[in-house]
Protein backbone atom coordinates (compact mmCIF):
# COMPACT_ATOMS: atom_id res chain seq x y z
CA UNK A 1 28.97 120.53 -3.72
CA UNK A 2 30.17 117.08 -3.44
CA UNK A 3 27.47 116.32 -0.89
CA UNK A 4 24.79 117.88 -3.02
CA UNK A 5 25.92 115.91 -6.00
CA UNK A 6 25.96 112.75 -4.01
CA UNK A 7 22.52 113.53 -2.62
CA UNK A 8 21.22 114.39 -6.00
CA UNK A 9 22.60 111.22 -7.41
CA UNK A 10 21.01 109.29 -4.59
CA UNK A 11 17.67 111.00 -5.10
CA UNK A 12 17.70 110.37 -8.81
CA UNK A 13 18.52 106.72 -8.19
CA UNK A 14 15.45 106.44 -5.95
CA UNK A 15 13.16 107.96 -8.53
CA UNK A 16 14.52 105.65 -11.20
CA UNK A 17 13.85 102.62 -9.06
CA UNK A 18 10.25 103.76 -8.48
CA UNK A 19 9.67 104.27 -12.15
CA UNK A 20 11.14 100.84 -12.91
CA UNK A 21 8.84 99.26 -10.32
CA UNK A 22 5.80 100.96 -11.89
CA UNK A 23 6.67 99.75 -15.31
CA UNK A 24 7.09 96.13 -14.09
CA UNK A 25 3.76 96.04 -12.14
CA UNK A 26 1.53 96.34 -15.24
CA UNK A 27 2.62 93.08 -16.97
CA UNK A 28 2.47 91.22 -13.69
CA UNK A 29 -1.20 92.15 -13.14
CA UNK A 30 -2.07 91.15 -16.69
CA UNK A 31 -0.43 87.77 -16.14
CA UNK A 32 -2.52 87.17 -13.01
CA UNK A 33 -5.72 88.14 -14.85
CA UNK A 34 -4.88 85.75 -17.70
CA UNK A 35 -4.14 82.91 -15.27
CA UNK A 36 -7.44 83.54 -13.45
CA UNK A 37 -9.41 83.58 -16.70
CA UNK A 38 -7.81 80.28 -17.80
CA UNK A 39 -8.62 78.70 -14.43
CA UNK A 40 -12.28 79.78 -14.61
CA UNK A 41 -12.59 78.48 -18.15
CA UNK A 42 -11.06 75.16 -17.09
CA UNK A 43 -13.52 74.82 -14.21
CA UNK A 44 -16.52 75.57 -16.46
CA UNK A 45 -15.30 73.11 -19.06
CA UNK A 46 -14.80 70.43 -16.41
CA UNK A 47 -18.33 70.95 -15.04
CA UNK A 48 -19.83 70.67 -18.51
CA UNK A 49 -17.86 67.51 -19.31
CA UNK A 50 -18.74 65.83 -16.01
CA UNK A 51 -22.39 66.75 -16.42
CA UNK A 52 -22.41 65.27 -19.92
CA UNK A 53 -21.11 61.92 -18.62
CA UNK A 54 -23.46 62.07 -15.58
CA UNK A 55 -20.67 62.41 -13.00
CA UNK A 56 -22.34 65.58 -11.75
CA UNK A 57 -26.04 66.47 -11.52
CA UNK A 58 -27.43 67.92 -14.71
CA UNK A 59 -27.47 71.70 -14.79
CA UNK A 60 -31.05 72.93 -14.82
CA UNK A 61 -32.50 76.15 -16.02
CA UNK A 62 -34.21 77.80 -13.01
CA UNK A 63 -36.66 79.52 -15.40
CA UNK A 64 -37.54 76.34 -17.34
CA UNK A 65 -41.20 75.25 -17.56
CA UNK A 66 -42.30 72.24 -15.52
CA UNK A 67 -44.93 69.68 -16.56
CA UNK A 68 -47.07 67.67 -14.12
CA UNK A 69 -48.51 64.36 -15.32
CA UNK A 70 -51.55 63.09 -13.44
CA UNK A 71 -51.79 59.40 -12.65
CA UNK A 72 -55.40 58.77 -13.67
CA UNK A 73 -54.90 59.05 -17.46
CA UNK A 74 -51.79 56.89 -17.27
CA UNK A 75 -53.69 54.23 -15.36
CA UNK A 76 -56.55 54.36 -17.83
CA UNK A 77 -54.08 53.97 -20.69
CA UNK A 78 -52.59 50.89 -19.09
CA UNK A 79 -56.04 49.28 -18.93
CA UNK A 80 -57.25 50.26 -22.40
CA UNK A 81 -53.98 49.03 -23.88
CA UNK A 82 -55.25 45.52 -23.11
CA UNK A 83 -57.99 46.29 -25.66
CA UNK A 84 -59.50 42.83 -25.59
CA UNK A 85 -58.95 40.48 -22.69
CA UNK A 86 -59.67 36.79 -23.33
CA UNK A 87 -60.95 35.92 -19.90
CA UNK A 88 -62.08 32.31 -20.30
CA UNK A 89 -62.31 29.52 -22.84
CA UNK A 90 -64.54 26.46 -22.97
CA UNK A 91 -64.48 23.24 -24.97
CA UNK A 92 -67.75 21.62 -25.99
CA UNK A 93 -68.86 18.43 -27.66
CA UNK A 94 -72.21 18.20 -29.41
CA UNK A 95 -74.09 15.58 -31.39
CA UNK A 96 -75.88 16.51 -34.60
CA UNK A 97 -78.59 14.18 -35.88
CA UNK A 98 -79.36 15.20 -39.44
CA UNK A 99 -82.10 13.48 -41.45
CA UNK A 100 -83.11 14.11 -45.04
CA UNK A 101 -86.18 12.73 -46.69
CA UNK A 102 -87.80 12.92 -50.12
CA UNK A 103 -91.57 13.03 -50.48
CA UNK A 104 -93.29 9.95 -51.85
CA UNK A 105 -90.09 7.88 -51.57
CA UNK A 106 -89.19 5.57 -48.68
CA UNK A 107 -85.92 6.23 -46.78
CA UNK A 108 -84.18 3.11 -48.14
CA UNK A 109 -84.67 4.48 -51.66
CA UNK A 110 -83.99 8.21 -51.12
CA UNK A 111 -82.83 9.74 -47.86
CA UNK A 112 -79.94 10.05 -45.42
CA UNK A 113 -79.53 9.83 -41.65
CA UNK A 114 -76.27 11.25 -40.28
CA UNK A 115 -75.06 11.21 -36.70
CA UNK A 116 -72.20 13.69 -36.37
CA UNK A 117 -70.07 14.38 -33.29
CA UNK A 118 -68.71 17.90 -33.26
CA UNK A 119 -65.88 19.16 -31.06
CA UNK A 120 -65.29 22.90 -30.71
CA UNK A 121 -64.40 25.80 -28.42
CA UNK A 122 -65.74 29.23 -27.49
CA UNK A 123 -63.78 32.15 -26.01
CA UNK A 124 -65.30 34.67 -23.58
CA UNK A 125 -63.68 38.12 -23.71
CA UNK A 126 -64.04 41.60 -22.21
CA UNK A 127 -63.69 44.64 -24.45
CA UNK A 128 -61.53 47.36 -22.83
CA UNK A 129 -61.12 49.49 -25.96
CA UNK A 130 -64.11 51.77 -25.26
CA UNK A 131 -63.33 52.67 -21.64
CA UNK A 132 -63.52 56.37 -20.82
CA UNK A 133 -62.48 58.53 -17.89
CA UNK A 134 -65.87 58.09 -16.20
CA UNK A 135 -65.26 54.33 -16.04
CA UNK A 136 -62.27 54.75 -13.73
CA UNK A 137 -62.60 56.48 -10.37
CA UNK A 138 -59.62 56.97 -8.05
CA UNK A 139 -59.95 58.14 -4.46
CA UNK A 140 -58.22 61.42 -3.44
CA UNK A 141 -55.59 59.54 -1.45
CA UNK A 142 -55.00 57.04 -4.26
CA UNK A 143 -55.82 54.15 -1.95
CA UNK A 144 -59.03 52.98 -3.65
CA UNK A 145 -60.04 52.60 -7.29
CA UNK A 146 -63.28 51.56 -8.99
CA UNK A 147 -63.31 50.20 -12.55
CA UNK A 148 -66.52 49.81 -14.54
CA UNK A 149 -66.36 47.33 -17.42
CA UNK A 150 -68.78 46.00 -20.03
CA UNK A 151 -70.07 42.49 -19.53
CA UNK A 152 -68.10 39.62 -21.11
CA UNK A 153 -69.06 38.49 -24.59
CA UNK A 154 -68.77 35.23 -26.47
CA UNK A 155 -66.84 34.84 -29.67
CA UNK A 156 -68.37 32.78 -32.49
CA UNK A 157 -67.84 29.09 -31.89
CA UNK A 158 -64.88 27.44 -33.60
CA UNK A 159 -65.35 23.87 -34.82
CA UNK A 160 -62.33 21.59 -34.60
CA UNK A 161 -62.71 19.66 -37.81
CA UNK A 162 -59.86 17.26 -37.01
CA UNK A 163 -61.51 16.14 -33.80
CA UNK A 164 -65.04 16.04 -35.24
CA UNK A 165 -66.30 12.96 -37.04
CA UNK A 166 -69.31 11.15 -38.47
CA UNK A 167 -70.37 8.56 -35.93
CA UNK A 168 -72.97 6.82 -38.08
CA UNK A 169 -74.65 7.35 -41.43
CA UNK A 170 -77.39 5.62 -43.35
CA UNK A 171 -78.12 6.39 -46.99
CA UNK A 172 -80.80 5.34 -49.41
CA UNK A 173 -80.00 3.48 -52.58
CA UNK A 174 -80.16 6.55 -54.81
CA UNK A 175 -77.98 8.53 -52.40
CA UNK A 176 -75.27 5.86 -52.40
CA UNK A 177 -75.29 5.74 -56.18
CA UNK A 178 -75.06 9.52 -56.40
CA UNK A 179 -72.17 9.63 -53.93
CA UNK A 180 -70.35 6.95 -55.88
CA UNK A 181 -70.20 9.11 -59.00
CA UNK A 182 -69.87 12.52 -57.35
CA UNK A 183 -69.29 13.96 -53.91
CA UNK A 184 -71.62 16.49 -52.35
CA UNK A 185 -69.65 18.94 -50.14
CA UNK A 186 -72.82 20.91 -49.34
CA UNK A 187 -74.16 18.12 -47.15
CA UNK A 188 -70.94 18.07 -45.09
CA UNK A 189 -70.94 21.86 -44.82
CA UNK A 190 -74.47 21.79 -43.45
CA UNK A 191 -73.44 19.41 -40.70
CA UNK A 192 -70.53 21.70 -39.76
CA UNK A 193 -72.82 24.73 -39.55
CA UNK A 194 -75.31 22.91 -37.36
CA UNK A 195 -72.51 21.72 -35.06
CA UNK A 196 -71.19 25.27 -34.67
CA UNK A 197 -74.66 26.57 -33.84
CA UNK A 198 -75.15 23.90 -31.18
CA UNK A 199 -71.72 24.65 -29.66
CA UNK A 200 -72.58 28.37 -29.51
CA UNK A 201 -75.88 27.62 -27.81
CA UNK A 202 -74.19 25.30 -25.32
CA UNK A 203 -71.62 28.00 -24.45
CA UNK A 204 -74.33 30.60 -23.81
CA UNK A 205 -76.03 28.23 -21.36
CA UNK A 206 -72.80 27.30 -19.62
CA UNK A 207 -71.10 29.19 -16.74
CA UNK A 208 -68.44 30.44 -19.16
CA UNK A 209 -69.51 34.11 -18.94
CA UNK A 210 -69.57 34.01 -15.13
CA UNK A 211 -66.09 32.51 -15.12
CA UNK A 212 -64.91 35.26 -17.45
CA UNK A 213 -66.14 37.88 -14.98
CA UNK A 214 -64.26 36.25 -12.11
CA UNK A 215 -61.06 35.91 -14.10
CA UNK A 216 -61.22 39.54 -15.28
CA UNK A 217 -61.86 40.80 -11.77
CA UNK A 218 -58.95 38.77 -10.38
CA UNK A 219 -56.61 39.99 -13.13
CA UNK A 220 -57.42 43.68 -12.61
CA UNK A 221 -57.33 43.37 -8.83
CA UNK A 222 -53.83 41.93 -8.94
CA UNK A 223 -52.61 44.52 -11.43
CA UNK A 224 -54.02 47.50 -9.51
CA UNK A 225 -52.74 46.18 -6.18
CA UNK A 226 -49.27 46.12 -7.71
CA UNK A 227 -49.74 49.81 -8.56
CA UNK A 228 -50.28 50.65 -4.90
CA UNK A 229 -54.08 50.60 -4.56
CA UNK A 230 -55.32 48.89 -1.40
CA UNK A 231 -59.00 48.65 -2.32
CA UNK A 232 -60.04 47.63 -5.85
CA UNK A 233 -63.65 47.37 -7.01
CA UNK A 234 -64.51 45.97 -10.45
CA UNK A 235 -68.10 46.14 -11.67
CA UNK A 236 -69.71 45.00 -14.92
CA UNK A 237 -72.43 46.87 -16.75
CA UNK A 238 -74.53 45.59 -19.62
CA UNK A 239 -73.97 47.39 -22.90
CA UNK A 240 -76.87 49.66 -23.92
CA UNK A 241 -79.07 48.32 -26.68
């Protein structure tokens, strides 16, 4: 009996140990799961923080939409943004000989002779604001580009009043008396207008427009070469009338 009791006691002790081990295994597994979850959360948080400060590549959505921007419109925008290119400027000096006479009166009684020296400038420009897609052609390999531009134009002449002067003037007796009592700004304004007209005419006969074409072509060639084009062709076309 003694042996059976001892064996029974021993057997019961073994069962109790097994039950105690089973009860202790549950909390241990939960602790490992909690530690693993905390570690995963820490890693995710670290990745997000490093991505925000650009220490890691930005996380991208594999299903996000992608946009492709073609180079031709961007190039056209860079040219039209110039809008108006002042390609050349010329300075001109003209002489205006203005004579006024009154019928039936000799010049020494009524009349004026004015010799006016006018100094002014004219700007030649190219208008880029109306360029369209058909005016810019790029080769398939992006090695050659052709740009079609309108011909240069001349701005209205600008008279430099400070550098213009009356070289000589003769007035009749009545004119001198009239100027003594009152000034006549209309006569001076007429000389200015005539000087501007002569400067404009001189600019149109000068090589100013041809120089504007060369300067515009050189400017665009240098700009497009810097963008990677090896062959640049710039042509000018007269505006339709």
